[in-house]
Amino acid sequence: MSKRPVERIKRVNVLIKETLSDIVKKEVKDPRIGLFSLTDVETSKDLKYAKVFVSVIGEDENRKHALDILNQMSRFLRHRLNDEIKLRTIPELTFHLDTSYDYYQKIDSLLKETKE
């Protein structure tokens, strides 16, 4: 793959993340979701599919419930993205849990244990 399409995908990822974050912040007021943030977006090479990574504060059950609700809202969010950004096609959105913060906490606690 040449450098140009890769750069375009990266720009589209950033654009989708920023726009979707704004939409979610302004329009998603469902208290069942709890506190969450969008951390990353990865689109497929053909820009038809996008994985949206979400960090959710809470227990595992609350995280799964929040992801289920966001995935149920994906058609609405995709439609709103279409209103806000101009792309030939807006990718289908699927939401996935971002566990990088949990991994960071685990590594941090292991480092503290070894330090003691």
N, C-alpha and C. Protein backbone atom coordinates (compact mmCIF):
# COMPACT_ATOMS: atom_id res chain seq x y z
N MET A 1 0.85 -1.17 0.00
CA MET A 1 0.00 0.00 0.00
C MET A 1 0.89 1.23 0.00
N SER A 2 0.57 2.17 -0.86
CA SER A 2 1.38 3.38 -0.93
C SER A 2 1.14 4.25 0.30
N LYS A 3 1.98 5.23 0.45
CA LYS A 3 1.92 6.10 1.63
C LYS A 3 0.67 6.97 1.63
N ARG A 4 0.23 7.38 0.48
CA ARG A 4 -0.91 8.30 0.38
C ARG A 4 -2.22 7.73 0.95
N PRO A 5 -2.62 6.51 0.58
CA PRO A 5 -3.85 5.96 1.19
C PRO A 5 -3.75 5.78 2.70
N VAL A 6 -2.57 5.42 3.20
CA VAL A 6 -2.39 5.26 4.64
C VAL A 6 -2.60 6.59 5.35
N GLU A 7 -2.06 7.65 4.79
CA GLU A 7 -2.23 8.98 5.38
C GLU A 7 -3.70 9.39 5.35
N ARG A 8 -4.39 9.07 4.28
CA ARG A 8 -5.81 9.40 4.18
C ARG A 8 -6.61 8.66 5.25
N ILE A 9 -6.32 7.39 5.43
CA ILE A 9 -7.03 6.61 6.45
C ILE A 9 -6.78 7.21 7.83
N LYS A 10 -5.55 7.62 8.10
CA LYS A 10 -5.25 8.23 9.40
C LYS A 10 -6.03 9.53 9.58
N ARG A 11 -6.12 10.33 8.54
CA ARG A 11 -6.89 11.59 8.63
C ARG A 11 -8.37 11.31 8.84
N VAL A 12 -8.90 10.31 8.14
CA VAL A 12 -10.30 9.94 8.30
C VAL A 12 -10.55 9.43 9.72
N ASN A 13 -9.62 8.62 10.25
CA ASN A 13 -9.76 8.13 11.62
C ASN A 13 -9.85 9.28 12.62
N VAL A 14 -8.98 10.24 12.48
CA VAL A 14 -8.99 11.40 13.39
C VAL A 14 -10.27 12.19 13.22
N LEU A 15 -10.68 12.41 11.99
CA LEU A 15 -11.91 13.16 11.72
C LEU A 15 -13.13 12.47 12.33
N ILE A 16 -13.23 11.17 12.15
CA ILE A 16 -14.36 10.42 12.71
C ILE A 16 -14.32 10.48 14.24
N LYS A 17 -13.15 10.28 14.82
CA LYS A 17 -13.04 10.30 16.28
C LYS A 17 -13.46 11.64 16.85
N GLU A 18 -12.95 12.73 16.30
CA GLU A 18 -13.26 14.06 16.81
C GLU A 18 -14.75 14.39 16.63
N THR A 19 -15.27 14.10 15.45
CA THR A 19 -16.68 14.42 15.17
C THR A 19 -17.61 13.54 16.01
N LEU A 20 -17.31 12.26 16.10
CA LEU A 20 -18.14 11.36 16.88
C LEU A 20 -18.09 11.73 18.37
N SER A 21 -16.93 12.16 18.84
CA SER A 21 -16.81 12.59 20.24
C SER A 21 -17.73 13.78 20.51
N ASP A 22 -17.75 14.73 19.59
CA ASP A 22 -18.63 15.89 19.74
C ASP A 22 -20.10 15.47 19.73
N ILE A 23 -20.45 14.60 18.81
CA ILE A 23 -21.85 14.14 18.72
C ILE A 23 -22.26 13.43 20.01
N VAL A 24 -21.40 12.55 20.48
CA VAL A 24 -21.72 11.79 21.69
C VAL A 24 -21.84 12.73 22.89
N LYS A 25 -20.92 13.67 22.99
CA LYS A 25 -20.94 14.60 24.12
C LYS A 25 -22.22 15.43 24.14
N LYS A 26 -22.70 15.84 22.97
CA LYS A 26 -23.87 16.71 22.89
C LYS A 26 -25.19 15.96 22.88
N GLU A 27 -25.23 14.76 22.30
CA GLU A 27 -26.51 14.13 22.01
C GLU A 27 -26.79 12.82 22.74
N VAL A 28 -25.78 12.18 23.30
CA VAL A 28 -26.01 10.92 23.99
C VAL A 28 -26.10 11.20 25.48
N LYS A 29 -27.32 11.16 25.99
CA LYS A 29 -27.57 11.49 27.40
C LYS A 29 -28.14 10.28 28.15
N ASP A 30 -27.78 9.10 27.76
CA ASP A 30 -28.30 7.89 28.37
C ASP A 30 -27.53 7.60 29.67
N PRO A 31 -28.19 7.70 30.83
CA PRO A 31 -27.48 7.47 32.10
C PRO A 31 -27.03 6.03 32.29
N ARG A 32 -27.58 5.10 31.52
CA ARG A 32 -27.18 3.69 31.66
C ARG A 32 -25.76 3.45 31.16
N ILE A 33 -25.26 4.34 30.32
CA ILE A 33 -23.92 4.17 29.77
C ILE A 33 -22.86 4.52 30.81
N GLY A 34 -23.09 5.54 31.58
CA GLY A 34 -22.11 5.97 32.58
C GLY A 34 -21.05 6.86 31.95
N LEU A 35 -19.92 6.93 32.61
CA LEU A 35 -18.83 7.80 32.16
C LEU A 35 -17.93 7.05 31.19
N PHE A 36 -17.76 7.59 30.00
CA PHE A 36 -16.94 6.93 28.99
C PHE A 36 -16.30 7.97 28.08
N SER A 37 -15.29 7.54 27.35
CA SER A 37 -14.69 8.42 26.34
C SER A 37 -14.26 7.58 25.14
N LEU A 38 -14.29 8.21 23.99
CA LEU A 38 -13.82 7.55 22.77
C LEU A 38 -12.31 7.73 22.71
N THR A 39 -11.59 6.63 22.56
CA THR A 39 -10.14 6.71 22.62
C THR A 39 -9.46 6.57 21.26
N ASP A 40 -10.09 5.84 20.34
CA ASP A 40 -9.44 5.63 19.05
C ASP A 40 -10.47 5.14 18.03
N VAL A 41 -10.14 5.33 16.76
CA VAL A 41 -10.95 4.81 15.66
C VAL A 41 -10.01 4.16 14.66
N GLU A 42 -10.37 2.97 14.22
CA GLU A 42 -9.61 2.27 13.18
C GLU A 42 -10.57 1.91 12.06
N THR A 43 -10.35 2.50 10.89
CA THR A 43 -11.20 2.18 9.74
C THR A 43 -10.52 1.14 8.86
N SER A 44 -11.33 0.40 8.14
CA SER A 44 -10.80 -0.58 7.20
C SER A 44 -10.20 0.16 6.01
N LYS A 45 -9.43 -0.56 5.21
CA LYS A 45 -8.77 0.06 4.06
C LYS A 45 -9.75 0.64 3.06
N ASP A 46 -10.91 0.00 2.93
CA ASP A 46 -11.91 0.51 1.99
C ASP A 46 -12.86 1.53 2.62
N LEU A 47 -12.62 1.86 3.89
CA LEU A 47 -13.39 2.86 4.64
C LEU A 47 -14.87 2.49 4.79
N LYS A 48 -15.18 1.20 4.75
CA LYS A 48 -16.57 0.78 4.91
C LYS A 48 -16.90 0.43 6.36
N TYR A 49 -15.89 0.11 7.14
CA TYR A 49 -16.10 -0.30 8.53
C TYR A 49 -15.16 0.47 9.44
N ALA A 50 -15.65 0.79 10.63
CA ALA A 50 -14.81 1.49 11.60
C ALA A 50 -15.01 0.86 12.98
N LYS A 51 -13.90 0.54 13.62
CA LYS A 51 -13.92 0.09 15.01
C LYS A 51 -13.69 1.33 15.86
N VAL A 52 -14.62 1.59 16.77
CA VAL A 52 -14.51 2.72 17.67
C VAL A 52 -14.18 2.17 19.05
N PHE A 53 -13.03 2.56 19.58
CA PHE A 53 -12.59 2.06 20.87
C PHE A 53 -13.03 3.03 21.96
N VAL A 54 -13.60 2.45 23.03
CA VAL A 54 -14.22 3.23 24.09
C VAL A 54 -13.63 2.80 25.42
N SER A 55 -13.31 3.79 26.24
CA SER A 55 -12.89 3.54 27.61
C SER A 55 -14.07 3.86 28.51
N VAL A 56 -14.49 2.86 29.30
CA VAL A 56 -15.65 3.02 30.17
C VAL A 56 -15.20 2.82 31.61
N ILE A 57 -15.58 3.76 32.46
CA ILE A 57 -15.25 3.64 33.88
C ILE A 57 -16.30 2.79 34.56
N GLY A 58 -15.85 1.82 35.34
CA GLY A 58 -16.78 0.97 36.07
C GLY A 58 -16.37 -0.48 36.03
N GLU A 59 -17.25 -1.29 36.55
CA GLU A 59 -17.02 -2.74 36.60
C GLU A 59 -17.23 -3.36 35.22
N ASP A 60 -16.77 -4.59 35.06
CA ASP A 60 -16.87 -5.27 33.77
C ASP A 60 -18.31 -5.35 33.26
N GLU A 61 -19.25 -5.59 34.14
CA GLU A 61 -20.64 -5.69 33.73
C GLU A 61 -21.15 -4.35 33.19
N ASN A 62 -20.76 -3.25 33.85
CA ASN A 62 -21.16 -1.92 33.39
C ASN A 62 -20.53 -1.60 32.04
N ARG A 63 -19.30 -2.02 31.85
CA ARG A 63 -18.60 -1.78 30.58
C ARG A 63 -19.30 -2.50 29.44
N LYS A 64 -19.63 -3.77 29.68
CA LYS A 64 -20.30 -4.55 28.64
C LYS A 64 -21.67 -3.94 28.31
N HIS A 65 -22.37 -3.51 29.34
CA HIS A 65 -23.69 -2.90 29.14
C HIS A 65 -23.55 -1.61 28.32
N ALA A 66 -22.55 -0.81 28.64
CA ALA A 66 -22.33 0.45 27.90
C ALA A 66 -22.01 0.16 26.43
N LEU A 67 -21.19 -0.85 26.18
CA LEU A 67 -20.87 -1.22 24.79
C LEU A 67 -22.10 -1.69 24.04
N ASP A 68 -22.94 -2.47 24.71
CA ASP A 68 -24.17 -2.93 24.07
C ASP A 68 -25.06 -1.75 23.66
N ILE A 69 -25.19 -0.78 24.54
CA ILE A 69 -26.02 0.39 24.24
C ILE A 69 -25.41 1.18 23.09
N LEU A 70 -24.10 1.40 23.12
CA LEU A 70 -23.46 2.15 22.03
C LEU A 70 -23.59 1.42 20.70
N ASN A 71 -23.46 0.10 20.71
CA ASN A 71 -23.62 -0.66 19.47
C ASN A 71 -25.06 -0.60 18.96
N GLN A 72 -26.02 -0.54 19.88
CA GLN A 72 -27.41 -0.37 19.46
C GLN A 72 -27.65 1.01 18.86
N MET A 73 -26.89 2.00 19.30
CA MET A 73 -27.03 3.37 18.80
C MET A 73 -26.19 3.62 17.55
N SER A 74 -25.47 2.62 17.07
CA SER A 74 -24.50 2.84 15.99
C SER A 74 -25.15 3.38 14.71
N ARG A 75 -26.35 2.94 14.39
CA ARG A 75 -27.01 3.45 13.17
C ARG A 75 -27.33 4.93 13.31
N PHE A 76 -27.83 5.32 14.48
CA PHE A 76 -28.11 6.73 14.74
C PHE A 76 -26.82 7.56 14.67
N LEU A 77 -25.76 7.07 15.30
CA LEU A 77 -24.49 7.80 15.31
C LEU A 77 -23.89 7.88 13.91
N ARG A 78 -24.05 6.82 13.14
CA ARG A 78 -23.57 6.84 11.75
C ARG A 78 -24.34 7.88 10.93
N HIS A 79 -25.64 7.93 11.13
CA HIS A 79 -26.46 8.92 10.44
C HIS A 79 -26.04 10.35 10.82
N ARG A 80 -25.78 10.57 12.11
CA ARG A 80 -25.34 11.89 12.56
C ARG A 80 -23.95 12.23 12.00
N LEU A 81 -23.09 11.23 11.91
CA LEU A 81 -21.77 11.46 11.29
C LEU A 81 -21.94 11.90 9.84
N ASN A 82 -22.87 11.29 9.15
CA ASN A 82 -23.13 11.65 7.76
C ASN A 82 -23.58 13.11 7.64
N ASP A 83 -24.32 13.59 8.63
CA ASP A 83 -24.74 14.99 8.64
C ASP A 83 -23.57 15.95 8.86
N GLU A 84 -22.57 15.49 9.61
CA GLU A 84 -21.48 16.37 10.04
C GLU A 84 -20.26 16.35 9.12
N ILE A 85 -19.94 15.21 8.54
CA ILE A 85 -18.75 15.14 7.70
C ILE A 85 -19.13 14.68 6.30
N LYS A 86 -18.34 15.08 5.37
CA LYS A 86 -18.62 14.74 3.97
C LYS A 86 -17.59 13.73 3.47
N LEU A 87 -18.03 12.48 3.45
CA LEU A 87 -17.26 11.40 2.87
C LEU A 87 -18.17 10.69 1.88
N ARG A 88 -17.58 10.03 0.92
CA ARG A 88 -18.38 9.29 -0.05
C ARG A 88 -19.28 8.28 0.66
N THR A 89 -18.71 7.52 1.56
CA THR A 89 -19.49 6.61 2.39
C THR A 89 -19.05 6.77 3.84
N ILE A 90 -20.01 6.71 4.72
CA ILE A 90 -19.71 6.75 6.15
C ILE A 90 -19.59 5.30 6.61
N PRO A 91 -18.50 4.96 7.29
CA PRO A 91 -18.31 3.56 7.67
C PRO A 91 -19.33 3.08 8.70
N GLU A 92 -19.59 1.79 8.67
CA GLU A 92 -20.42 1.16 9.70
C GLU A 92 -19.60 1.15 10.99
N LEU A 93 -20.23 1.53 12.08
CA LEU A 93 -19.53 1.67 13.35
C LEU A 93 -19.77 0.46 14.25
N THR A 94 -18.70 -0.06 14.82
CA THR A 94 -18.81 -1.06 15.89
C THR A 94 -17.96 -0.56 17.05
N PHE A 95 -18.49 -0.70 18.24
CA PHE A 95 -17.81 -0.20 19.43
C PHE A 95 -17.13 -1.35 20.15
N HIS A 96 -15.90 -1.08 20.60
CA HIS A 96 -15.08 -2.08 21.27
C HIS A 96 -14.47 -1.45 22.52
N LEU A 97 -14.27 -2.27 23.53
CA LEU A 97 -13.70 -1.79 24.78
C LEU A 97 -12.20 -1.57 24.62
N ASP A 98 -11.74 -0.41 25.04
CA ASP A 98 -10.31 -0.10 25.05
C ASP A 98 -9.78 -0.47 26.43
N THR A 99 -8.96 -1.47 26.49
CA THR A 99 -8.44 -1.95 27.77
C THR A 99 -7.02 -1.46 28.04
N SER A 100 -6.55 -0.49 27.30
CA SER A 100 -5.18 -0.03 27.48
C SER A 100 -4.94 0.57 28.86
N TYR A 101 -5.94 1.27 29.42
CA TYR A 101 -5.78 1.86 30.75
C TYR A 101 -5.68 0.76 31.81
N ASP A 102 -6.48 -0.29 31.67
CA ASP A 102 -6.39 -1.42 32.61
C ASP A 102 -5.02 -2.07 32.53
N TYR A 103 -4.51 -2.21 31.32
CA TYR A 103 -3.18 -2.79 31.12
C TYR A 103 -2.12 -1.90 31.76
N TYR A 104 -2.25 -0.59 31.60
CA TYR A 104 -1.32 0.36 32.21
C TYR A 104 -1.35 0.21 33.74
N GLN A 105 -2.54 0.13 34.32
CA GLN A 105 -2.65 -0.01 35.78
C GLN A 105 -2.01 -1.31 36.26
N LYS A 106 -2.19 -2.38 35.51
CA LYS A 106 -1.59 -3.66 35.90
C LYS A 106 -0.08 -3.58 35.87
N ILE A 107 0.47 -3.02 34.82
CA ILE A 107 1.93 -2.87 34.72
C ILE A 107 2.45 -1.96 35.82
N ASP A 108 1.73 -0.88 36.08
CA ASP A 108 2.14 0.06 37.13
C ASP A 108 2.16 -0.62 38.50
N SER A 109 1.15 -1.41 38.80
CA SER A 109 1.13 -2.10 40.09
C SER A 109 2.23 -3.14 40.19
N LEU A 110 2.53 -3.82 39.08
CA LEU A 110 3.64 -4.79 39.08
C LEU A 110 4.97 -4.09 39.30
N LEU A 111 5.16 -2.94 38.70
CA LEU A 111 6.39 -2.18 38.90
C LEU A 111 6.52 -1.71 40.33
N LYS A 112 5.43 -1.28 40.92
CA LYS A 112 5.46 -0.86 42.33
C LYS A 112 5.79 -2.03 43.25
N GLU A 113 5.25 -3.21 42.93
CA GLU A 113 5.55 -4.39 43.74
C GLU A 113 7.02 -4.75 43.67
N THR A 114 7.60 -4.70 42.48
CA THR A 114 9.01 -5.04 42.34
C THR A 114 9.90 -3.99 42.98
N LYS A 115 9.46 -2.77 43.02
CA LYS A 115 10.23 -1.69 43.64
C LYS A 115 10.31 -1.88 45.14
N GLU A 116 9.23 -2.40 45.74
CA GLU A 116 9.20 -2.63 47.18
C GLU A 116 10.01 -3.85 47.48
